[in-house]
Amino acid sequence: MSKELESAFTKLDDYTKLHSVNVQELAVLVAKIYGMNPADTEALKNAAKYHDIGKIFTPAEILLKQGKLTDKEFAIIKAHPVDGANLLKNLDQPQAYIDAALKHHEKLDGSGYPYKLTSKELPLDIRIITACDIYDALASARPYKNPLMYKEIKDILFKEVADGKLDRNVVSKVLAAGKHLKKEEIVRLYKDEKYMKYISPDVACDISDMIMKYGKVISPEEFKAMHKESGLMKDKGLAAPDFDTLDSIVKGISLAKNYYTHGIYGQGLGNKLHDIEM
């Protein structure tokens, strides 16, 4: 990566830098799910990192405004794809990076910006970065909004799919990657509860949403106290139950703890907990 490009990246505001790195991490996970080759994965990784580079030209008072943008301010914000693409061209960066900067706000139905491109003009790498960009924007806290729960993000993204704006297959994989990151987050949060690393990504997402709902880290004991039933599921597996219920969260935690406590993880837990390794 050129020194000039890295220098430009450091000029972004703190939120946009963090957002860019988050989108990059999510995009790399999606690439792994797709089974992309190393060269394409690396290109996607870098394109995702610099997709918002044009925001170095956006006035801070607009970019960091805490209230709703006016139409005029939003028009200024919408210049960042072209600004970014022009900067990357001037720095002789690969076309994949230029395209990501230029097209990450385009939609499959032609309703995006700046050029109202349609599906034929939006290849897989752009579709991935676009969906990852939206996912992280919804999942992140801003001065004017709280982060959304995983289920809320899922509903919004699939609404975009239903409206013909996003690729269904891509969105499914972005959500799967998001589950993986949620699990890592929960495992870090409950680092003293060693069995937590054996929970499925689905259960991790539900735990994360419960924490957001109650505004605090909830102990496994508190989960149990919230619901009468806390026993193991009949089939001792996580493939069948509906994880939208608190009961399922409690049972998932109990199941993971049971396997961990009895030291039988090596006897097939990896096969029972679906999606644990993505």
C-alpha atoms as a PDB file:
ATOM      1  CA  MET A   1       0.000   0.000   0.000  1.00  0.00           C
ATOM      2  CA  SER A   2       1.354   3.430  -0.921  1.00  0.00           C
ATOM      3  CA  LYS A   3       2.428   5.858   1.784  1.00  0.00           C
ATOM      4  CA  GLU A   4       0.209   8.497   0.216  1.00  0.00           C
ATOM      5  CA  LEU A   5      -2.868   6.279   0.540  1.00  0.00           C
ATOM      6  CA  GLU A   6      -2.119   5.392   4.154  1.00  0.00           C
ATOM      7  CA  SER A   7      -1.504   9.058   4.887  1.00  0.00           C
ATOM      8  CA  ALA A   8      -4.903   9.892   3.396  1.00  0.00           C
ATOM      9  CA  PHE A   9      -6.542   7.175   5.491  1.00  0.00           C
ATOM     10  CA  THR A  10      -5.171   8.675   8.711  1.00  0.00           C
ATOM     11  CA  LYS A  11      -6.962  11.930   7.870  1.00  0.00           C
ATOM     12  CA  LEU A  12     -10.370  10.294   8.224  1.00  0.00           C
ATOM     13  CA  ASP A  13     -12.316  10.985  11.405  1.00  0.00           C
ATOM     14  CA  ASP A  14     -12.096   8.322  14.114  1.00  0.00           C
ATOM     15  CA  TYR A  15     -15.551   6.884  13.471  1.00  0.00           C
ATOM     16  CA  THR A  16     -14.980   6.501   9.715  1.00  0.00           C
ATOM     17  CA  LYS A  17     -11.604   4.843  10.309  1.00  0.00           C
ATOM     18  CA  LEU A  18     -13.138   2.356  12.727  1.00  0.00           C
ATOM     19  CA  HIS A  19     -16.093   1.775  10.410  1.00  0.00           C
ATOM     20  CA  SER A  20     -13.724   1.143   7.492  1.00  0.00           C
ATOM     21  CA  VAL A  21     -11.736  -1.429   9.464  1.00  0.00           C
ATOM     22  CA  ASN A  22     -14.977  -3.104  10.592  1.00  0.00           C
ATOM     23  CA  VAL A  23     -16.224  -3.329   7.010  1.00  0.00           C
ATOM     24  CA  GLN A  24     -12.862  -4.737   5.992  1.00  0.00           C
ATOM     25  CA  GLU A  25     -13.004  -7.438   8.696  1.00  0.00           C
ATOM     26  CA  LEU A  26     -16.553  -8.386   7.796  1.00  0.00           C
ATOM     27  CA  ALA A  27     -15.762  -8.505   4.071  1.00  0.00           C
ATOM     28  CA  VAL A  28     -12.800 -10.833   4.651  1.00  0.00           C
ATOM     29  CA  LEU A  29     -15.035 -13.232   6.589  1.00  0.00           C
ATOM     30  CA  VAL A  30     -17.566 -13.148   3.756  1.00  0.00           C
ATOM     31  CA  ALA A  31     -14.782 -13.892   1.275  1.00  0.00           C
ATOM     32  CA  LYS A  32     -13.840 -16.956   3.333  1.00  0.00           C
ATOM     33  CA  ILE A  33     -17.451 -18.134   3.353  1.00  0.00           C
ATOM     34  CA  TYR A  34     -17.518 -17.786  -0.438  1.00  0.00           C
ATOM     35  CA  GLY A  35     -14.202 -19.628  -0.714  1.00  0.00           C
ATOM     36  CA  MET A  36     -12.510 -16.836  -2.629  1.00  0.00           C
ATOM     37  CA  ASN A  37      -8.903 -17.351  -3.642  1.00  0.00           C
ATOM     38  CA  PRO A  38      -6.174 -15.456  -1.746  1.00  0.00           C
ATOM     39  CA  ALA A  39      -5.639 -12.843  -4.464  1.00  0.00           C
ATOM     40  CA  ASP A  40      -9.333 -11.941  -4.706  1.00  0.00           C
ATOM     41  CA  THR A  41      -9.641 -11.929  -0.913  1.00  0.00           C
ATOM     42  CA  GLU A  42      -6.724  -9.546  -0.581  1.00  0.00           C
ATOM     43  CA  ALA A  43      -8.170  -7.234  -3.238  1.00  0.00           C
ATOM     44  CA  LEU A  44     -11.539  -7.243  -1.475  1.00  0.00           C
ATOM     45  CA  LYS A  45      -9.868  -6.629   1.888  1.00  0.00           C
ATOM     46  CA  ASN A  46      -8.102  -3.492   0.691  1.00  0.00           C
ATOM     47  CA  ALA A  47     -11.018  -2.231  -1.388  1.00  0.00           C
ATOM     48  CA  ALA A  48     -13.242  -2.493   1.695  1.00  0.00           C
ATOM     49  CA  LYS A  49     -10.775  -0.583   3.852  1.00  0.00           C
ATOM     50  CA  TYR A  50     -10.646   2.394   1.504  1.00  0.00           C
ATOM     51  CA  HIS A  51     -14.284   2.462   0.362  1.00  0.00           C
ATOM     52  CA  ASP A  52     -15.005   5.656   2.369  1.00  0.00           C
ATOM     53  CA  ILE A  53     -11.696   7.409   1.691  1.00  0.00           C
ATOM     54  CA  GLY A  54     -13.580  10.225  -0.065  1.00  0.00           C
ATOM     55  CA  LYS A  55     -14.922  11.386   3.286  1.00  0.00           C
ATOM     56  CA  ILE A  56     -11.616  13.140   3.989  1.00  0.00           C
ATOM     57  CA  PHE A  57     -13.086  15.864   1.745  1.00  0.00           C
ATOM     58  CA  THR A  58     -16.412  16.041   3.621  1.00  0.00           C
ATOM     59  CA  PRO A  59     -16.610  18.950   6.097  1.00  0.00           C
ATOM     60  CA  ALA A  60     -16.362  17.667   9.679  1.00  0.00           C
ATOM     61  CA  GLU A  61     -19.335  19.743  10.802  1.00  0.00           C
ATOM     62  CA  ILE A  62     -21.494  17.775   8.354  1.00  0.00           C
ATOM     63  CA  LEU A  63     -19.861  14.375   8.725  1.00  0.00           C
ATOM     64  CA  LEU A  64     -20.025  14.479  12.528  1.00  0.00           C
ATOM     65  CA  LYS A  65     -23.329  16.294  12.880  1.00  0.00           C
ATOM     66  CA  GLN A  66     -25.405  14.806  15.693  1.00  0.00           C
ATOM     67  CA  GLY A  67     -28.802  15.741  14.309  1.00  0.00           C
ATOM     68  CA  LYS A  68     -30.602  15.021  11.060  1.00  0.00           C
ATOM     69  CA  LEU A  69     -28.887  16.240   7.896  1.00  0.00           C
ATOM     70  CA  THR A  70     -30.560  18.837   5.713  1.00  0.00           C
ATOM     71  CA  ASP A  71     -31.055  18.060   2.028  1.00  0.00           C
ATOM     72  CA  LYS A  72     -28.116  20.319   1.203  1.00  0.00           C
ATOM     73  CA  GLU A  73     -25.863  18.606   3.733  1.00  0.00           C
ATOM     74  CA  PHE A  74     -26.863  15.173   2.483  1.00  0.00           C
ATOM     75  CA  ALA A  75     -26.020  16.244  -1.065  1.00  0.00           C
ATOM     76  CA  ILE A  76     -22.525  17.158   0.162  1.00  0.00           C
ATOM     77  CA  ILE A  77     -22.175  13.770   1.911  1.00  0.00           C
ATOM     78  CA  LYS A  78     -23.195  12.041  -1.320  1.00  0.00           C
ATOM     79  CA  ALA A  79     -20.132  13.481  -3.069  1.00  0.00           C
ATOM     80  CA  HIS A  80     -17.759  11.173  -1.176  1.00  0.00           C
ATOM     81  CA  PRO A  81     -17.922   8.219  -3.618  1.00  0.00           C
ATOM     82  CA  VAL A  82     -16.768  10.348  -6.551  1.00  0.00           C
ATOM     83  CA  ASP A  83     -14.248  12.202  -4.374  1.00  0.00           C
ATOM     84  CA  GLY A  84     -12.818   8.899  -3.176  1.00  0.00           C
ATOM     85  CA  ALA A  85     -12.633   7.383  -6.634  1.00  0.00           C
ATOM     86  CA  ASN A  86     -10.841  10.455  -7.985  1.00  0.00           C
ATOM     87  CA  LEU A  87      -8.335  10.378  -5.127  1.00  0.00           C
ATOM     88  CA  LEU A  88      -7.595   6.696  -5.690  1.00  0.00           C
ATOM     89  CA  LYS A  89      -7.179   7.294  -9.422  1.00  0.00           C
ATOM     90  CA  ASN A  90      -4.712  10.102  -8.740  1.00  0.00           C
ATOM     91  CA  LEU A  91      -2.788   7.771  -6.426  1.00  0.00           C
ATOM     92  CA  ASP A  92      -2.668   5.070  -9.155  1.00  0.00           C
ATOM     93  CA  GLN A  93      -4.525   2.534  -7.041  1.00  0.00           C
ATOM     94  CA  PRO A  94      -6.029  -0.700  -8.452  1.00  0.00           C
ATOM     95  CA  GLN A  95      -9.337  -0.462 -10.253  1.00  0.00           C
ATOM     96  CA  ALA A  96     -10.983  -2.664  -7.612  1.00  0.00           C
ATOM     97  CA  TYR A  97     -10.298   0.004  -4.973  1.00  0.00           C
ATOM     98  CA  ILE A  98     -11.561   2.775  -7.236  1.00  0.00           C
ATOM     99  CA  ASP A  99     -14.746   0.859  -8.026  1.00  0.00           C
ATOM    100  CA  ALA A 100     -15.416   0.132  -4.344  1.00  0.00           C
ATOM    101  CA  ALA A 101     -15.115   3.804  -3.455  1.00  0.00           C
ATOM    102  CA  LEU A 102     -17.313   4.838  -6.372  1.00  0.00           C
ATOM    103  CA  LYS A 103     -20.021   2.172  -6.239  1.00  0.00           C
ATOM    104  CA  HIS A 104     -20.557   1.157  -2.599  1.00  0.00           C
ATOM    105  CA  HIS A 105     -23.767   3.214  -2.355  1.00  0.00           C
ATOM    106  CA  GLU A 106     -25.255   1.863  -5.583  1.00  0.00           C
ATOM    107  CA  LYS A 107     -28.200  -0.574  -5.367  1.00  0.00           C
ATOM    108  CA  LEU A 108     -29.216  -3.453  -7.628  1.00  0.00           C
ATOM    109  CA  ASP A 109     -32.487  -1.752  -8.607  1.00  0.00           C
ATOM    110  CA  GLY A 110     -30.824   1.497  -9.686  1.00  0.00           C
ATOM    111  CA  SER A 111     -31.959   3.490  -6.652  1.00  0.00           C
ATOM    112  CA  GLY A 112     -28.475   4.167  -5.278  1.00  0.00           C
ATOM    113  CA  TYR A 113     -25.928   6.894  -5.941  1.00  0.00           C
ATOM    114  CA  PRO A 114     -23.981   8.549  -7.505  1.00  0.00           C
ATOM    115  CA  TYR A 115     -24.863   7.041 -10.903  1.00  0.00           C
ATOM    116  CA  LYS A 116     -27.942   4.879 -10.244  1.00  0.00           C
ATOM    117  CA  LEU A 117     -26.158   1.796 -11.540  1.00  0.00           C
ATOM    118  CA  THR A 118     -28.049  -1.494 -11.743  1.00  0.00           C
ATOM    119  CA  SER A 119     -27.251  -5.141 -11.019  1.00  0.00           C
ATOM    120  CA  LYS A 120     -25.420  -5.754 -14.303  1.00  0.00           C
ATOM    121  CA  GLU A 121     -22.887  -3.091 -13.341  1.00  0.00           C
ATOM    122  CA  LEU A 122     -22.362  -4.273  -9.762  1.00  0.00           C
ATOM    123  CA  PRO A 123     -20.095  -7.335  -9.461  1.00  0.00           C
ATOM    124  CA  LEU A 124     -19.803  -9.570  -6.411  1.00  0.00           C
ATOM    125  CA  ASP A 125     -17.055  -7.601  -4.657  1.00  0.00           C
ATOM    126  CA  ILE A 126     -19.134  -4.405  -4.778  1.00  0.00           C
ATOM    127  CA  ARG A 127     -22.235  -6.240  -3.556  1.00  0.00           C
ATOM    128  CA  ILE A 128     -20.264  -7.610  -0.604  1.00  0.00           C
ATOM    129  CA  ILE A 129     -18.796  -4.240   0.391  1.00  0.00           C
ATOM    130  CA  THR A 130     -22.189  -2.548   0.058  1.00  0.00           C
ATOM    131  CA  ALA A 131     -23.891  -5.067   2.356  1.00  0.00           C
ATOM    132  CA  CYS A 132     -20.996  -5.013   4.851  1.00  0.00           C
ATOM    133  CA  ASP A 133     -21.098  -1.209   4.855  1.00  0.00           C
ATOM    134  CA  ILE A 134     -24.801  -1.189   5.732  1.00  0.00           C
ATOM    135  CA  TYR A 135     -24.412  -3.945   8.340  1.00  0.00           C
ATOM    136  CA  ASP A 136     -21.708  -2.086  10.243  1.00  0.00           C
ATOM    137  CA  ALA A 137     -23.495   1.260  10.009  1.00  0.00           C
ATOM    138  CA  LEU A 138     -26.559  -0.332  11.613  1.00  0.00           C
ATOM    139  CA  ALA A 139     -24.499  -2.204  14.221  1.00  0.00           C
ATOM    140  CA  SER A 140     -22.471   0.827  15.303  1.00  0.00           C
ATOM    141  CA  ALA A 141     -23.224   3.486  17.900  1.00  0.00           C
ATOM    142  CA  ARG A 142     -23.260   7.089  16.744  1.00  0.00           C
ATOM    143  CA  PRO A 143     -23.886  10.312  18.706  1.00  0.00           C
ATOM    144  CA  TYR A 144     -27.389  10.447  17.206  1.00  0.00           C
ATOM    145  CA  LYS A 145     -28.327   6.751  17.444  1.00  0.00           C
ATOM    146  CA  ASN A 146     -27.814   3.541  19.381  1.00  0.00           C
ATOM    147  CA  PRO A 147     -26.532   0.385  17.697  1.00  0.00           C
ATOM    148  CA  LEU A 148     -29.255  -1.933  16.491  1.00  0.00           C
ATOM    149  CA  MET A 149     -29.737  -5.484  17.708  1.00  0.00           C
ATOM    150  CA  TYR A 150     -28.733  -8.328  15.399  1.00  0.00           C
ATOM    151  CA  LYS A 151     -32.374  -9.266  14.731  1.00  0.00           C
ATOM    152  CA  GLU A 152     -33.162  -5.673  13.779  1.00  0.00           C
ATOM    153  CA  ILE A 153     -30.195  -5.567  11.399  1.00  0.00           C
ATOM    154  CA  LYS A 154     -31.280  -8.856   9.858  1.00  0.00           C
ATOM    155  CA  ASP A 155     -34.820  -7.548   9.293  1.00  0.00           C
ATOM    156  CA  ILE A 156     -33.578  -4.337   7.681  1.00  0.00           C
ATOM    157  CA  LEU A 157     -31.142  -6.101   5.369  1.00  0.00           C
ATOM    158  CA  PHE A 158     -33.731  -8.614   4.204  1.00  0.00           C
ATOM    159  CA  LYS A 159     -36.186  -5.769   3.636  1.00  0.00           C
ATOM    160  CA  GLU A 160     -33.556  -4.309   1.281  1.00  0.00           C
ATOM    161  CA  VAL A 161     -33.365  -7.718  -0.399  1.00  0.00           C
ATOM    162  CA  ALA A 162     -37.151  -7.882  -0.746  1.00  0.00           C
ATOM    163  CA  ASP A 163     -37.137  -4.411  -2.299  1.00  0.00           C
ATOM    164  CA  GLY A 164     -34.582  -5.536  -4.884  1.00  0.00           C
ATOM    165  CA  LYS A 165     -31.776  -3.371  -3.554  1.00  0.00           C
ATOM    166  CA  LEU A 166     -29.362  -5.971  -2.134  1.00  0.00           C
ATOM    167  CA  ASP A 167     -28.250  -9.450  -3.194  1.00  0.00           C
ATOM    168  CA  ARG A 168     -29.982 -12.148  -1.087  1.00  0.00           C
ATOM    169  CA  ASN A 169     -27.058 -14.567  -1.220  1.00  0.00           C
ATOM    170  CA  VAL A 170     -24.590 -11.865  -0.236  1.00  0.00           C
ATOM    171  CA  VAL A 171     -26.783 -10.629   2.626  1.00  0.00           C
ATOM    172  CA  SER A 172     -27.121 -14.170   3.976  1.00  0.00           C
ATOM    173  CA  LYS A 173     -23.355 -14.527   4.048  1.00  0.00           C
ATOM    174  CA  VAL A 174     -22.822 -11.092   5.596  1.00  0.00           C
ATOM    175  CA  LEU A 175     -25.255 -12.004   8.365  1.00  0.00           C
ATOM    176  CA  ALA A 176     -23.434 -15.298   8.899  1.00  0.00           C
ATOM    177  CA  ALA A 177     -20.159 -13.389   9.181  1.00  0.00           C
ATOM    178  CA  GLY A 178     -21.841 -10.982  11.578  1.00  0.00           C
ATOM    179  CA  LYS A 179     -22.871 -13.928  13.768  1.00  0.00           C
ATOM    180  CA  HIS A 180     -19.261 -15.060  13.877  1.00  0.00           C
ATOM    181  CA  LEU A 181     -18.129 -11.624  15.053  1.00  0.00           C
ATOM    182  CA  LYS A 182     -20.924 -11.528  17.644  1.00  0.00           C
ATOM    183  CA  LYS A 183     -19.723 -14.830  19.012  1.00  0.00           C
ATOM    184  CA  GLU A 184     -16.149 -13.544  19.305  1.00  0.00           C
ATOM    185  CA  GLU A 185     -17.501 -10.467  21.088  1.00  0.00           C
ATOM    186  CA  ILE A 186     -19.499 -12.541  23.579  1.00  0.00           C
ATOM    187  CA  VAL A 187     -16.607 -14.924  24.246  1.00  0.00           C
ATOM    188  CA  ARG A 188     -14.374 -11.913  25.034  1.00  0.00           C
ATOM    189  CA  LEU A 189     -17.058 -10.367  27.219  1.00  0.00           C
ATOM    190  CA  TYR A 190     -17.550 -13.546  29.224  1.00  0.00           C
ATOM    191  CA  LYS A 191     -13.868 -14.486  29.283  1.00  0.00           C
ATOM    192  CA  ASP A 192     -14.146 -15.905  32.798  1.00  0.00           C
ATOM    193  CA  GLU A 193     -16.950 -18.240  31.731  1.00  0.00           C
ATOM    194  CA  LYS A 194     -14.810 -20.727  29.825  1.00  0.00           C
ATOM    195  CA  TYR A 195     -17.740 -22.746  28.505  1.00  0.00           C
ATOM    196  CA  MET A 196     -19.058 -19.740  26.557  1.00  0.00           C
ATOM    197  CA  LYS A 197     -16.700 -20.493  23.680  1.00  0.00           C
ATOM    198  CA  TYR A 198     -18.769 -23.597  22.943  1.00  0.00           C
ATOM    199  CA  ILE A 199     -22.040 -21.782  22.327  1.00  0.00           C
ATOM    200  CA  SER A 200     -23.297 -21.432  18.784  1.00  0.00           C
ATOM    201  CA  PRO A 201     -23.197 -18.099  16.916  1.00  0.00           C
ATOM    202  CA  ASP A 202     -27.014 -18.035  17.060  1.00  0.00           C
ATOM    203  CA  VAL A 203     -27.023 -18.134  20.849  1.00  0.00           C
ATOM    204  CA  ALA A 204     -24.240 -15.514  20.948  1.00  0.00           C
ATOM    205  CA  CYS A 205     -26.399 -13.153  18.866  1.00  0.00           C
ATOM    206  CA  ASP A 206     -29.329 -13.630  21.235  1.00  0.00           C
ATOM    207  CA  ILE A 207     -27.122 -12.974  24.263  1.00  0.00           C
ATOM    208  CA  SER A 208     -25.770  -9.826  22.610  1.00  0.00           C
ATOM    209  CA  ASP A 209     -29.290  -8.605  21.886  1.00  0.00           C
ATOM    210  CA  MET A 210     -30.356  -9.261  25.488  1.00  0.00           C
ATOM    211  CA  ILE A 211     -27.375  -7.262  26.764  1.00  0.00           C
ATOM    212  CA  MET A 212     -28.341  -4.358  24.520  1.00  0.00           C
ATOM    213  CA  LYS A 213     -31.972  -4.605  25.613  1.00  0.00           C
ATOM    214  CA  TYR A 214     -31.176  -4.512  29.332  1.00  0.00           C
ATOM    215  CA  GLY A 215     -28.206  -2.159  29.042  1.00  0.00           C
ATOM    216  CA  LYS A 216     -25.806  -4.322  31.023  1.00  0.00           C
ATOM    217  CA  VAL A 217     -23.799  -7.522  30.880  1.00  0.00           C
ATOM    218  CA  ILE A 218     -26.138 -10.240  32.095  1.00  0.00           C
ATOM    219  CA  SER A 219     -24.638 -13.181  33.930  1.00  0.00           C
ATOM    220  CA  PRO A 220     -25.616 -16.757  33.045  1.00  0.00           C
ATOM    221  CA  GLU A 221     -27.226 -16.932  36.484  1.00  0.00           C
ATOM    222  CA  GLU A 222     -29.387 -13.905  35.638  1.00  0.00           C
ATOM    223  CA  PHE A 223     -30.435 -15.544  32.393  1.00  0.00           C
ATOM    224  CA  LYS A 224     -31.578 -18.552  34.376  1.00  0.00           C
ATOM    225  CA  ALA A 225     -33.436 -16.372  36.862  1.00  0.00           C
ATOM    226  CA  MET A 226     -35.330 -14.718  34.017  1.00  0.00           C
ATOM    227  CA  HIS A 227     -36.948 -17.966  33.015  1.00  0.00           C
ATOM    228  CA  LYS A 228     -38.275 -20.964  34.900  1.00  0.00           C
ATOM    229  CA  GLU A 229     -36.852 -23.600  32.585  1.00  0.00           C
ATOM    230  CA  SER A 230     -33.083 -23.893  32.424  1.00  0.00           C
ATOM    231  CA  GLY A 231     -32.571 -27.584  31.691  1.00  0.00           C
ATOM    232  CA  LEU A 232     -30.819 -29.145  28.750  1.00  0.00           C
ATOM    233  CA  MET A 233     -32.642 -29.627  25.482  1.00  0.00           C
ATOM    234  CA  LYS A 234     -33.961 -33.130  24.951  1.00  0.00           C
ATOM    235  CA  ASP A 235     -31.735 -33.904  21.992  1.00  0.00           C
ATOM    236  CA  LYS A 236     -28.678 -32.226  23.592  1.00  0.00           C
ATOM    237  CA  GLY A 237     -28.062 -30.389  20.339  1.00  0.00           C
ATOM    238  CA  LEU A 238     -28.554 -26.861  19.047  1.00  0.00           C
ATOM    239  CA  ALA A 239     -29.833 -27.613  15.555  1.00  0.00           C
ATOM    240  CA  ALA A 240     -33.554 -27.785  16.269  1.00  0.00           C
ATOM    241  CA  PRO A 241     -34.670 -25.045  18.695  1.00  0.00           C
ATOM    242  CA  ASP A 242     -35.862 -21.541  17.928  1.00  0.00           C
ATOM    243  CA  PHE A 243     -33.203 -19.152  19.257  1.00  0.00           C
ATOM    244  CA  ASP A 244     -35.558 -16.168  19.310  1.00  0.00           C
ATOM    245  CA  THR A 245     -36.720 -17.092  22.813  1.00  0.00           C
ATOM    246  CA  LEU A 246     -34.988 -16.478  26.100  1.00  0.00           C
ATOM    247  CA  ASP A 247     -35.635 -20.104  26.976  1.00  0.00           C
ATOM    248  CA  SER A 248     -33.443 -21.133  24.070  1.00  0.00           C
ATOM    249  CA  ILE A 249     -30.650 -18.839  25.231  1.00  0.00           C
ATOM    250  CA  VAL A 250     -30.745 -20.353  28.697  1.00  0.00           C
ATOM    251  CA  LYS A 251     -30.796 -23.867  27.321  1.00  0.00           C
ATOM    252  CA  GLY A 252     -27.969 -23.103  24.921  1.00  0.00           C
ATOM    253  CA  ILE A 253     -25.795 -21.786  27.724  1.00  0.00           C
ATOM    254  CA  SER A 254     -26.696 -24.737  29.934  1.00  0.00           C
ATOM    255  CA  LEU A 255     -25.917 -27.184  27.149  1.00  0.00           C
ATOM    256  CA  ALA A 256     -22.536 -25.617  26.435  1.00  0.00           C
ATOM    257  CA  LYS A 257     -21.687 -25.574  30.121  1.00  0.00           C
ATOM    258  CA  ASN A 258     -22.731 -29.210  30.500  1.00  0.00           C
ATOM    259  CA  TYR A 259     -20.484 -30.342  27.663  1.00  0.00           C
ATOM    260  CA  TYR A 260     -17.593 -28.267  28.948  1.00  0.00           C
ATOM    261  CA  THR A 261     -17.971 -29.409  32.558  1.00  0.00           C
ATOM    262  CA  HIS A 262     -18.034 -33.079  31.615  1.00  0.00           C
ATOM    263  CA  GLY A 263     -15.055 -32.771  29.334  1.00  0.00           C
ATOM    264  CA  ILE A 264     -16.653 -34.328  26.275  1.00  0.00           C
ATOM    265  CA  TYR A 265     -16.089 -31.546  23.770  1.00  0.00           C
ATOM    266  CA  GLY A 266     -13.689 -33.778  21.862  1.00  0.00           C
ATOM    267  CA  GLN A 267     -16.402 -36.421  21.461  1.00  0.00           C
ATOM    268  CA  GLY A 268     -18.406 -34.571  18.861  1.00  0.00           C
ATOM    269  CA  LEU A 269     -19.644 -31.264  20.239  1.00  0.00           C
ATOM    270  CA  GLY A 270     -18.228 -29.603  17.156  1.00  0.00           C
ATOM    271  CA  ASN A 271     -20.685 -31.599  15.050  1.00  0.00           C
ATOM    272  CA  LYS A 272     -23.630 -30.847  17.330  1.00  0.00           C
ATOM    273  CA  LEU A 273     -23.254 -27.091  17.631  1.00  0.00           C
ATOM    274  CA  HIS A 274     -24.095 -25.921  14.138  1.00  0.00           C
ATOM    275  CA  ASP A 275     -22.143 -23.051  12.613  1.00  0.00           C
ATOM    276  CA  ILE A 276     -19.647 -22.983  15.489  1.00  0.00           C
ATOM    277  CA  GLU A 277     -16.766 -22.774  13.024  1.00  0.00           C
ATOM    278  CA  MET A 278     -18.746 -20.965  10.324  1.00  0.00           C
END
